Protein backbone atom coordinates (compact mmCIF):
# COMPACT_ATOMS: atom_id res chain seq x y z
CA MET A 1 75.10 74.43 127.37
CA ALA A 2 77.29 74.71 124.27
CA LYS A 3 78.70 78.11 123.42
CA GLN A 4 77.31 79.92 120.42
CA ASP A 5 79.65 80.29 117.44
CA PHE A 6 81.50 83.60 117.70
CA TYR A 7 80.64 84.57 114.12
CA GLU A 8 76.96 83.93 114.84
CA THR A 9 77.22 85.97 118.04
CA LEU A 10 78.39 88.98 115.99
CA GLY A 11 76.05 88.20 113.10
CA VAL A 12 78.79 88.03 110.44
CA SER A 13 80.11 85.40 108.04
CA LYS A 14 83.40 83.57 108.53
CA SER A 15 84.89 85.56 105.66
CA ALA A 16 84.07 88.92 107.27
CA SER A 17 86.81 91.55 107.10
CA ALA A 18 88.23 93.34 110.14
CA ASP A 19 86.13 96.42 109.32
CA GLU A 20 82.95 94.33 109.06
CA LEU A 21 83.70 92.72 112.43
CA LYS A 22 84.27 96.13 113.99
CA ARG A 23 81.05 97.60 112.60
CA ALA A 24 79.00 94.59 113.73
CA TYR A 25 80.49 94.70 117.22
CA ARG A 26 79.96 98.45 117.56
CA ARG A 27 76.30 98.20 116.51
CA LEU A 28 75.44 95.28 118.81
CA ALA A 29 77.48 96.53 121.77
CA MET A 30 75.58 99.81 121.67
CA GLN A 31 72.29 97.89 121.48
CA TYR A 32 73.00 95.58 124.43
CA HIS A 33 75.08 97.92 126.60
CA PRO A 34 74.00 97.61 130.28
CA ASP A 35 73.49 101.36 130.59
CA ARG A 36 70.74 101.08 127.97
CA ASN A 37 69.27 97.91 129.44
CA ALA A 38 69.29 98.48 133.19
CA GLY A 39 68.27 95.35 135.10
CA ASP A 40 68.05 93.19 131.96
CA LYS A 41 70.18 90.12 132.73
CA GLY A 42 69.73 88.80 129.21
CA ALA A 43 71.17 91.96 127.69
CA GLU A 44 74.02 91.89 130.18
CA GLN A 45 74.93 88.33 129.20
CA LYS A 46 74.61 89.16 125.51
CA PHE A 47 77.00 92.07 125.99
CA LYS A 48 79.53 89.76 127.67
CA ASP A 49 79.23 87.26 124.82
CA LEU A 50 79.78 90.04 122.25
CA ASN A 51 82.94 91.19 124.02
CA GLU A 52 84.29 87.64 124.25
CA ALA A 53 83.61 86.99 120.55
CA TYR A 54 85.13 90.27 119.37
CA ASP A 55 88.18 89.86 121.64
CA VAL A 56 89.02 86.64 119.77
CA LEU A 57 88.05 87.54 116.20
CA LYS A 58 89.71 90.97 116.11
CA ASP A 59 93.12 89.35 116.70
CA ASP A 60 94.51 87.59 113.60
CA GLN A 61 96.32 84.85 115.55
CA LYS A 62 93.39 84.17 117.89
CA ARG A 63 91.01 84.14 114.93
CA ALA A 64 93.17 81.65 113.03
CA ALA A 65 93.27 79.36 116.09
CA TYR A 66 89.50 79.67 116.57
CA ASP A 67 88.80 78.89 112.89
CA ARG A 68 90.86 75.72 113.23
CA PHE A 69 90.03 74.46 116.73
CA GLY A 70 86.84 76.29 117.69
CA HIS A 71 86.21 77.06 121.36
CA ALA A 72 88.70 74.36 122.36
CA ALA A 73 91.49 76.75 121.39
CA PHE A 74 90.74 78.86 124.46
CA GLU A 75 90.02 76.26 127.09
CA GLN A 76 92.07 75.94 130.31
CA GLY A 77 91.17 79.42 131.43
CA GLY A 78 91.57 81.05 128.06
CA ARG A 79 95.27 81.67 128.56
CA HIS A 80 96.92 79.26 126.13
CA GLY A 81 95.85 78.23 122.65
CA PRO A 82 97.21 75.29 120.64
CA GLY A 83 100.65 75.58 119.16
CA GLY A 84 101.94 77.88 121.91
CA PHE A 85 100.22 81.12 120.83
CA GLY A 86 99.86 82.19 124.45
CA PHE A 87 96.50 84.00 124.30
CA ALA A 88 96.01 86.05 127.42
CA ALA A 89 92.47 87.31 126.98
CA GLY A 90 92.11 91.02 127.52
CA GLY A 91 89.45 92.43 129.82
CA PHE A 92 86.14 93.78 128.57
CA ALA A 93 87.24 97.29 129.50
CA ASP A 94 90.11 97.05 126.98
CA ILE A 95 87.68 96.32 124.15
CA PHE A 96 85.23 98.95 125.32
CA ASP A 97 88.02 101.53 125.47
CA GLU A 98 89.09 100.63 121.93
CA MET A 99 85.60 100.95 120.45
CA PHE A 100 83.94 103.72 122.46
CA GLY A 101 86.83 105.61 124.08
CA GLU A 102 86.27 108.75 121.99
CA PHE A 103 82.74 109.52 123.18
CA MET A 104 83.19 108.05 126.67
CA GLY A 105 86.18 110.17 127.59
CA GLY A 106 89.02 109.36 125.26
CA GLY A 107 90.01 105.89 126.50
CA ARG A 108 93.08 105.12 128.58
CA ARG A 109 96.28 106.85 127.65
CA GLY A 110 98.48 106.01 130.57
CA GLN A 111 99.14 107.86 133.80
CA GLY A 112 98.98 111.55 134.45
CA GLY A 113 101.46 114.03 133.12
CA PRO A 114 101.60 116.82 130.57
CA SER A 115 101.42 115.80 126.94
CA ARG A 116 104.53 115.68 124.74
CA GLY A 117 104.81 118.49 122.20
CA SER A 118 103.76 118.06 118.59
CA ASP A 119 106.11 116.96 115.82
CA LEU A 120 106.86 119.44 113.03
CA GLN A 121 107.62 119.08 109.33
CA TYR A 122 109.95 121.27 107.27
CA ASN A 123 110.31 120.95 103.48
CA LEU A 124 113.81 121.69 102.18
CA GLU A 125 114.71 121.78 98.48
CA ILE A 126 118.33 121.38 97.40
CA SER A 127 120.10 121.23 94.04
CA LEU A 128 121.48 118.05 92.48
CA GLU A 129 125.02 119.36 93.03
CA GLU A 130 124.25 119.88 96.74
CA ALA A 131 122.87 116.35 96.95
CA PHE A 132 126.12 115.12 95.37
CA ARG A 133 128.43 117.02 97.74
CA GLY A 134 126.29 117.22 100.87
CA LYS A 135 125.46 120.50 102.55
CA GLN A 136 125.55 122.23 105.91
CA THR A 137 122.70 124.73 106.03
CA THR A 138 120.53 126.65 108.48
CA ILE A 139 116.74 126.66 108.52
CA ARG A 140 114.28 128.91 110.33
CA VAL A 141 111.31 127.08 111.86
CA PRO A 142 108.32 128.78 113.53
CA THR A 143 107.56 126.70 116.62
CA LEU A 144 106.51 126.75 120.28
CA VAL A 145 109.38 127.09 122.77
CA ALA A 146 109.55 127.22 126.55
CA CYS A 147 108.38 130.56 127.93
CA GLU A 148 111.40 132.56 129.09
CA GLN A 149 109.48 134.40 131.80
CA CYS A 150 108.15 131.35 133.67
CA LYS A 151 110.81 128.88 132.46
CA GLY A 152 108.11 126.63 131.06
CA SER A 153 106.18 126.13 134.31
CA GLY A 154 103.18 128.24 133.26
CA ALA A 155 103.05 129.96 136.67
CA GLU A 156 103.71 133.63 137.32
CA ALA A 157 107.03 134.46 138.94
CA GLY A 158 106.94 133.76 142.68
CA SER A 159 104.19 131.12 142.41
CA LYS A 160 104.11 127.43 141.63
CA PRO A 161 101.67 124.94 140.13
CA ILE A 162 99.79 122.99 142.81
CA THR A 163 98.54 119.40 142.87
CA CYS A 164 95.18 119.09 141.17
CA PRO A 165 92.50 118.68 143.89
CA ARG A 166 90.20 116.65 141.57
CA CYS A 167 92.56 113.84 140.57
CA HIS A 168 95.15 114.30 143.36
CA GLY A 169 97.98 114.55 140.87
CA ARG A 170 97.18 111.42 138.83
CA GLY A 171 95.89 113.30 135.79
CA ARG A 172 93.16 110.64 135.40
CA LEU A 173 89.72 110.10 136.90
CA ARG A 174 87.80 106.84 137.16
CA VAL A 175 84.19 106.89 136.00
CA GLN A 176 81.68 104.12 136.63
CA GLN A 177 79.75 103.08 133.49
CA GLY A 178 77.37 100.27 134.51
CA PHE A 179 79.62 97.44 135.64
CA PHE A 180 82.62 99.01 133.83
CA THR A 181 85.15 101.35 135.40
CA ILE A 182 86.64 103.64 132.77
CA GLU A 183 89.54 106.06 133.18
CA GLN A 184 89.25 109.53 131.71
CA THR A 185 91.61 112.48 131.45
CA CYS A 186 91.02 114.83 134.33
CA ALA A 187 89.16 117.89 133.04
CA GLY A 188 90.52 120.04 135.87
CA CYS A 189 94.20 119.73 134.94
CA GLN A 190 93.92 118.27 131.38
CA GLY A 191 96.02 115.29 132.43
CA ALA A 192 98.91 117.32 133.83
CA GLY A 193 98.22 116.42 137.48
CA ARG A 194 98.82 120.06 138.49
CA VAL A 195 96.84 123.28 138.21
CA ILE A 196 97.98 126.89 138.20
CA ASP A 197 96.26 129.45 140.41
CA ASN A 198 98.34 132.38 139.15
CA PRO A 199 99.14 131.80 135.45
CA CYS A 200 102.07 133.48 133.73
CA LYS A 201 100.94 136.60 131.86
CA ALA A 202 103.45 136.11 129.06
CA CYS A 203 102.20 132.66 128.02
CA GLY A 204 98.74 132.51 129.59
CA GLY A 205 99.74 129.56 131.78
CA GLN A 206 100.76 127.32 128.86
CA GLY A 207 104.46 127.47 129.67
CA ARG A 208 105.35 128.04 126.00
CA THR A 209 105.34 130.84 123.45
CA ARG A 210 105.62 130.99 119.66
CA ARG A 211 108.99 131.90 118.23
CA GLU A 212 111.08 131.31 115.12
CA LYS A 213 113.98 128.99 115.85
CA THR A 214 117.18 128.80 113.77
CA LEU A 215 118.63 125.31 113.38
CA SER A 216 121.68 123.87 111.66
CA VAL A 217 121.04 120.90 109.39
CA ASN A 218 123.76 118.62 108.03
CA ILE A 219 122.66 117.04 104.73
CA PRO A 220 124.87 114.04 103.91
CA ALA A 221 126.40 113.55 100.46
CA GLY A 222 124.36 111.21 98.27
CA VAL A 223 121.00 112.09 99.84
CA GLU A 224 118.07 111.14 97.60
CA ASP A 225 114.83 112.90 96.78
CA GLY A 226 112.10 112.20 99.38
CA ILE A 227 114.42 111.26 102.26
CA ARG A 228 113.20 112.31 105.71
CA MET A 229 115.66 113.50 108.36
CA ARG A 230 114.65 113.46 112.04
CA LEU A 231 115.92 116.10 114.46
CA ALA A 232 115.00 114.72 117.89
CA GLY A 233 113.54 117.21 120.37
CA GLU A 234 113.40 120.10 117.87
CA GLY A 235 109.62 120.09 117.50
CA GLU A 236 107.11 121.99 119.62
CA VAL A 237 107.67 122.07 123.38
CA GLY A 238 104.84 120.46 125.34
CA VAL A 239 102.53 122.30 127.71
CA ARG A 240 104.03 123.31 131.08
CA GLY A 241 107.45 121.78 130.74
CA ALA A 242 106.51 118.61 128.86
CA SER A 243 109.11 117.20 126.48
CA ALA A 244 109.37 118.53 122.95
CA GLY A 245 108.33 116.69 119.81
CA ASP A 246 110.63 116.05 116.87
CA LEU A 247 111.30 117.99 113.68
CA PHE A 248 111.21 116.05 110.41
CA VAL A 249 113.05 117.63 107.48
CA PHE A 250 111.79 116.33 104.12
CA ILE A 251 114.43 116.65 101.39
CA SER A 252 113.46 117.26 97.77
CA VAL A 253 116.07 117.48 95.00
CA ALA A 254 115.26 120.06 92.32
CA PRO A 255 115.24 118.94 88.65
CA HIS A 256 118.50 119.65 86.85
CA ARG A 257 118.72 121.41 83.48
CA ILE A 258 121.33 118.97 82.09
CA PHE A 259 121.41 115.81 84.19
CA LYS A 260 118.76 113.30 85.17
CA ARG A 261 119.31 111.15 88.22
CA ASP A 262 118.44 107.46 88.51
CA GLY A 263 119.49 106.29 91.96
CA PRO A 264 123.31 106.41 92.04
CA ASN A 265 123.57 106.96 88.27
CA ILE A 266 123.44 110.11 86.16
CA HIS A 267 121.98 110.29 82.63
CA CYS A 268 122.76 113.02 80.11
CA ARG A 269 121.38 113.36 76.54
CA VAL A 270 123.97 114.93 74.24
CA PRO A 271 123.04 116.13 70.72
CA LEU A 272 125.58 115.13 68.07
CA PRO A 273 126.04 116.89 64.72
CA ILE A 274 125.34 114.47 61.91
CA THR A 275 128.92 114.83 60.69
CA THR A 276 130.37 113.83 64.08
CA ALA A 277 128.03 110.86 64.31
CA ALA A 278 128.88 109.74 60.77
CA LEU A 279 132.62 110.42 60.74
CA GLY A 280 133.43 110.00 64.44
CA GLY A 281 135.13 112.51 66.71
CA THR A 282 135.46 113.67 70.29
CA ILE A 283 132.99 115.57 72.47
CA GLU A 284 133.44 117.21 75.85
CA VAL A 285 130.69 116.79 78.44
CA PRO A 286 130.26 118.13 82.01
CA THR A 287 129.96 115.87 85.06
CA VAL A 288 127.96 116.36 88.26
CA ASP A 289 131.12 117.04 90.30
CA GLY A 290 131.79 120.18 88.20
CA SER A 291 134.58 118.78 86.06
CA ARG A 292 134.65 117.94 82.33
CA THR A 293 135.41 114.71 80.53
CA ARG A 294 136.12 113.84 76.91
CA VAL A 295 134.20 111.09 75.13
CA SER A 296 135.33 109.44 71.89
CA VAL A 297 132.49 109.00 69.42
CA PRO A 298 133.06 106.17 66.91
CA ALA A 299 132.13 106.65 63.26
CA GLY A 300 128.57 105.57 62.46
CA THR A 301 127.15 106.30 65.94
CA GLN A 302 123.33 106.10 65.96
CA SER A 303 120.77 108.01 68.05
CA GLY A 304 120.10 106.25 71.34
CA HIS A 305 123.59 104.78 71.66
CA GLN A 306 124.86 105.11 75.24
CA PHE A 307 128.40 105.68 76.46
CA ARG A 308 129.09 104.56 80.03
CA LEU A 309 131.50 106.55 82.20
CA ARG A 310 132.25 104.47 85.29
CA GLY A 311 132.50 106.29 88.61
CA LYS A 312 131.24 109.60 87.20
CA GLY A 313 127.74 109.41 88.70
CA MET A 314 126.29 110.39 92.09
CA THR A 315 127.86 109.92 95.48
CA VAL A 316 126.35 106.88 97.22
CA LEU A 317 124.92 107.72 100.65
CA ARG A 318 127.27 106.68 103.48
CA SER A 319 129.68 105.05 101.05
CA PRO A 320 132.93 106.06 99.30
CA ALA A 321 131.58 104.65 96.02
CA ARG A 322 130.07 106.59 93.14
CA GLY A 323 127.56 105.58 90.52
CA ASP A 324 128.10 105.76 86.76
CA MET A 325 127.26 108.37 84.15
CA PHE A 326 125.47 107.44 80.92
CA ILE A 327 125.80 109.65 77.84
CA GLU A 328 122.98 109.12 75.35
CA ALA A 329 123.76 110.21 71.80
CA VAL A 330 121.02 112.10 69.95
CA VAL A 331 121.98 112.57 66.28
CA GLU A 332 120.72 115.95 65.12
CA THR A 333 119.41 116.51 61.60
CA PRO A 334 120.77 119.79 60.16
CA GLN A 335 118.35 122.63 59.39
CA ASN A 336 118.48 125.85 57.31
CA LEU A 337 120.84 124.34 54.71
CA THR A 338 122.39 126.51 52.02
CA LYS A 339 121.98 125.53 48.37
CA ARG A 340 125.55 124.25 48.30
CA GLN A 341 124.95 122.09 51.37
CA GLN A 342 121.83 120.65 49.77
CA GLU A 343 123.78 119.89 46.60
CA LEU A 344 126.47 118.11 48.61
CA LEU A 345 123.88 115.98 50.37
CA ARG A 346 122.33 114.99 47.04
CA GLU A 347 125.77 114.08 45.74
CA PHE A 348 126.34 112.06 48.91
CA GLU A 349 123.08 110.20 48.31
CA LYS A 350 124.02 109.42 44.67
CA GLU A 351 127.50 108.29 45.67
CA GLY A 352 125.97 105.70 47.98
CA GLY A 353 124.69 103.58 45.14
CA SER A 354 124.09 100.00 46.27
CA ARG A 355 126.38 100.38 49.25
CA PRO A 356 124.37 100.17 52.53
CA THR A 357 125.10 103.53 54.16
CA HIS A 358 121.86 103.50 56.15
CA PRO A 359 121.46 99.83 57.18
CA GLU A 360 118.72 100.35 59.76
CA SER A 361 116.33 102.34 57.53
CA GLU A 362 117.09 100.15 54.51
CA GLY A 363 116.40 97.02 56.53
CA PHE A 364 113.14 98.46 57.83
CA PHE A 365 111.79 99.36 54.42
CA ALA A 366 112.83 95.96 53.08
CA ARG A 367 110.67 94.36 55.79
CA VAL A 368 107.80 96.73 54.87
CA LYS A 369 108.06 95.64 51.23
CA GLU A 370 107.90 91.97 52.24
CA PHE A 371 104.89 92.71 54.43
CA PHE A 372 102.86 94.17 51.55
CA GLU A 373 103.93 91.35 49.20
CA ASP A 374 102.65 88.81 51.72
CA LEU A 375 99.31 90.63 51.84
CA ARG A 376 98.91 90.37 48.07
CA GLU A 377 99.43 86.61 48.02
């Protein structure tokens, strides 16, 4: 008898997404699960067909091979597909664990043993100058550390944890679900494989207590906003002597009142008096390394013109190089003029005559005039 198409088995189209496949499998697997259909051979076979179909279609490579070759892709025992994919079909228990592990006992998580401690996050803000130079700093992190009284064992002084009598030290128990055998975390020892008859009074048998820990952090020069630094083993200690998690330090660089950073480069907007922009001159600007540099401004400089100072930008992370600094000129219009200053400006305007002293504005208004003349034609 020919096998039914896997898509038909799950009741989905060939264009179904991974989420649609998962939802269809979950719904039908619950419907035809042997525990709900005791003694029904038809339901048992349907459940096997569902698992076989989902095992293939949930894997992108297997699905691609099936779409191209059909069931022939998994002949010869289902261990090798065409083109050397090497499909070793997983057991039904693997799929069942994936889909229903949460309400059937948490699925399989490996052999017994106490769980690793949780990772921690610490947010650290630094200045742009500190990001340029690098910084050695200390941080204080509230965390869980090994209990000093019981040395992390969780047992009162003079006593020891004993092997869990329920799981015999494995930390896992096997539970029969119909024709499936599913492993669950042992409820007696919570997966640790050992139980404590006489728990430590200082930590309540957990083997850890809350404390603020002081750590030294080395921030490298050139660090950028949003970078994450990992301090291995500086997170929370696990229960009863389990290994500690990691601490992740997230770096944020505070906005600067003068400079704006763009990767390795620094940008700075500098206002220029109209006289300096028109006649030319020299200005002095600060740099991110704390020094000063002089910039020559040519006569007739316009707003938006940029001066590039090579090698005056940010330190590049793990490199001896530096970025560049860009000075953007912003020509400032004078305010609060005296009568004499106003008179001088009017004289300046009259002296211009037909000479193009403002080429950009004159060119713009010439184009505007042509625009309106074209409209009238």
